[in-house]
Amino acid sequence: MQDKDCQNFLKEIADQCDYFYINSELTGHKFVEANDLAKTIENLKINCQILPNFSAIFSDINQRFSQTNNLVLITGSLYQASEFLLENNC
């Protein structure tokens, strides 16, 4: 969201992240534009991908990382975390 200090937050977690997904479905005057957020993330040398919704993100996570033991960190809101948990039967 625009009222959050996402750049400093991302700096704090950058060395712990290998990949970052951006949900472009979350738009509006309260949200940081997906392309702007992607530029910030890429400047921190983190790979990222913009996808259109939670389902696409969860599907990509399952395909890309299903053969490895990875930690998934969901940031942004409890709504996003609950969607992930529901989608993955957690």
C-alpha atoms as a PDB file:
ATOM      1  CA  MET A   1       0.000   0.000   0.000  1.00  0.00           C
ATOM      2  CA  GLN A   2       1.194   3.533  -0.688  1.00  0.00           C
ATOM      3  CA  ASP A   3       1.158   4.563   2.957  1.00  0.00           C
ATOM      4  CA  LYS A   4       3.672   1.807   3.858  1.00  0.00           C
ATOM      5  CA  ASP A   5       7.453   2.016   3.623  1.00  0.00           C
ATOM      6  CA  CYS A   6       7.776  -0.936   1.282  1.00  0.00           C
ATOM      7  CA  GLN A   7      11.250   0.007   0.040  1.00  0.00           C
ATOM      8  CA  ASN A   8      12.825  -0.207   3.496  1.00  0.00           C
ATOM      9  CA  PHE A   9      10.818  -3.338   4.316  1.00  0.00           C
ATOM     10  CA  LEU A  10      12.072  -4.979   1.123  1.00  0.00           C
ATOM     11  CA  LYS A  11      15.657  -3.952   1.941  1.00  0.00           C
ATOM     12  CA  GLU A  12      15.296  -5.733   5.283  1.00  0.00           C
ATOM     13  CA  ILE A  13      14.198  -9.023   3.715  1.00  0.00           C
ATOM     14  CA  ALA A  14      16.114  -8.849   0.408  1.00  0.00           C
ATOM     15  CA  ASP A  15      18.951 -11.135   1.466  1.00  0.00           C
ATOM     16  CA  GLN A  16      16.412 -13.778   2.557  1.00  0.00           C
ATOM     17  CA  CYS A  17      14.426 -13.823  -0.718  1.00  0.00           C
ATOM     18  CA  ASP A  18      15.156 -15.570  -3.976  1.00  0.00           C
ATOM     19  CA  TYR A  19      11.895 -14.837  -5.739  1.00  0.00           C
ATOM     20  CA  PHE A  20       9.058 -12.382  -5.340  1.00  0.00           C
ATOM     21  CA  TYR A  21       5.542 -12.396  -6.785  1.00  0.00           C
ATOM     22  CA  ILE A  22       3.422  -9.304  -7.287  1.00  0.00           C
ATOM     23  CA  ASN A  23      -0.353  -9.532  -7.522  1.00  0.00           C
ATOM     24  CA  SER A  24      -1.470  -7.047 -10.192  1.00  0.00           C
ATOM     25  CA  GLU A  25      -5.104  -7.631  -9.192  1.00  0.00           C
ATOM     26  CA  LEU A  26      -4.590  -5.309  -6.222  1.00  0.00           C
ATOM     27  CA  THR A  27      -4.969  -1.913  -7.857  1.00  0.00           C
ATOM     28  CA  GLY A  28      -6.384   1.435  -6.900  1.00  0.00           C
ATOM     29  CA  HIS A  29      -5.362   4.648  -5.237  1.00  0.00           C
ATOM     30  CA  LYS A  30      -4.238   2.869  -2.029  1.00  0.00           C
ATOM     31  CA  PHE A  31      -1.879   0.415  -3.719  1.00  0.00           C
ATOM     32  CA  VAL A  32       1.601   0.822  -5.159  1.00  0.00           C
ATOM     33  CA  GLU A  33       1.496   0.139  -8.895  1.00  0.00           C
ATOM     34  CA  ALA A  34       2.744  -3.356  -9.742  1.00  0.00           C
ATOM     35  CA  ASN A  35       5.374  -2.098 -12.214  1.00  0.00           C
ATOM     36  CA  ASP A  36       6.727   0.412  -9.687  1.00  0.00           C
ATOM     37  CA  LEU A  37       6.980  -2.283  -7.035  1.00  0.00           C
ATOM     38  CA  ALA A  38       8.711  -4.605  -9.517  1.00  0.00           C
ATOM     39  CA  LYS A  39      11.338  -1.937 -10.249  1.00  0.00           C
ATOM     40  CA  THR A  40      12.011  -1.505  -6.527  1.00  0.00           C
ATOM     41  CA  ILE A  41      12.380  -5.264  -6.098  1.00  0.00           C
ATOM     42  CA  GLU A  42      14.613  -5.672  -9.147  1.00  0.00           C
ATOM     43  CA  ASN A  43      16.851  -2.832  -7.902  1.00  0.00           C
ATOM     44  CA  LEU A  44      17.417  -4.965  -4.800  1.00  0.00           C
ATOM     45  CA  LYS A  45      18.564  -7.833  -7.069  1.00  0.00           C
ATOM     46  CA  ILE A  46      15.556 -10.031  -6.301  1.00  0.00           C
ATOM     47  CA  ASN A  47      13.870 -11.931  -9.125  1.00  0.00           C
ATOM     48  CA  CYS A  48      10.212 -11.039  -9.395  1.00  0.00           C
ATOM     49  CA  GLN A  49       7.180 -11.702 -11.527  1.00  0.00           C
ATOM     50  CA  ILE A  50       3.894  -9.854 -11.881  1.00  0.00           C
ATOM     51  CA  LEU A  51       0.901 -12.171 -12.144  1.00  0.00           C
ATOM     52  CA  PRO A  52      -2.797 -11.254 -12.492  1.00  0.00           C
ATOM     53  CA  ASN A  53      -4.242 -12.824  -9.329  1.00  0.00           C
ATOM     54  CA  PHE A  54      -3.736 -15.070  -6.326  1.00  0.00           C
ATOM     55  CA  SER A  55      -4.626 -18.238  -8.227  1.00  0.00           C
ATOM     56  CA  ALA A  56      -1.955 -17.611 -10.854  1.00  0.00           C
ATOM     57  CA  ILE A  57       0.627 -16.883  -8.155  1.00  0.00           C
ATOM     58  CA  PHE A  58      -0.230 -19.998  -6.154  1.00  0.00           C
ATOM     59  CA  SER A  59      -0.180 -22.138  -9.276  1.00  0.00           C
ATOM     60  CA  ASP A  60       3.249 -20.820 -10.237  1.00  0.00           C
ATOM     61  CA  ILE A  61       4.599 -21.389  -6.709  1.00  0.00           C
ATOM     62  CA  ASN A  62       3.369 -24.986  -6.802  1.00  0.00           C
ATOM     63  CA  GLN A  63       4.868 -25.625 -10.246  1.00  0.00           C
ATOM     64  CA  ARG A  64       8.155 -23.801  -9.713  1.00  0.00           C
ATOM     65  CA  PHE A  65       8.930 -24.971  -6.190  1.00  0.00           C
ATOM     66  CA  SER A  66       7.087 -28.279  -5.735  1.00  0.00           C
ATOM     67  CA  GLN A  67      10.252 -30.373  -6.008  1.00  0.00           C
ATOM     68  CA  THR A  68      12.177 -28.423  -3.379  1.00  0.00           C
ATOM     69  CA  ASN A  69      11.777 -27.610   0.272  1.00  0.00           C
ATOM     70  CA  ASN A  70      11.158 -23.854   0.316  1.00  0.00           C
ATOM     71  CA  LEU A  71       9.761 -21.321   2.689  1.00  0.00           C
ATOM     72  CA  VAL A  72       6.991 -19.108   1.316  1.00  0.00           C
ATOM     73  CA  LEU A  73       6.698 -15.674   2.909  1.00  0.00           C
ATOM     74  CA  ILE A  74       3.486 -13.803   2.199  1.00  0.00           C
ATOM     75  CA  THR A  75       3.558 -10.075   2.842  1.00  0.00           C
ATOM     76  CA  GLY A  76       1.078  -7.351   2.179  1.00  0.00           C
ATOM     77  CA  SER A  77      -1.973  -8.312   4.156  1.00  0.00           C
ATOM     78  CA  LEU A  78      -3.642 -11.005   6.188  1.00  0.00           C
ATOM     79  CA  TYR A  79      -6.107 -11.319   3.302  1.00  0.00           C
ATOM     80  CA  GLN A  80      -3.297 -12.544   1.036  1.00  0.00           C
ATOM     81  CA  ALA A  81      -2.061 -14.976   3.664  1.00  0.00           C
ATOM     82  CA  SER A  82      -5.545 -16.409   4.230  1.00  0.00           C
ATOM     83  CA  GLU A  83      -6.064 -16.848   0.479  1.00  0.00           C
ATOM     84  CA  PHE A  84      -2.790 -18.769   0.231  1.00  0.00           C
ATOM     85  CA  LEU A  85      -3.673 -20.990   3.189  1.00  0.00           C
ATOM     86  CA  LEU A  86      -7.135 -21.746   1.811  1.00  0.00           C
ATOM     87  CA  GLU A  87      -5.784 -22.459  -1.670  1.00  0.00           C
ATOM     88  CA  ASN A  88      -3.229 -24.901  -0.251  1.00  0.00           C
ATOM     89  CA  ASN A  89      -5.543 -26.633   2.236  1.00  0.00           C
ATOM     90  CA  CYS A  90      -3.529 -25.455   5.245  1.00  0.00           C
END
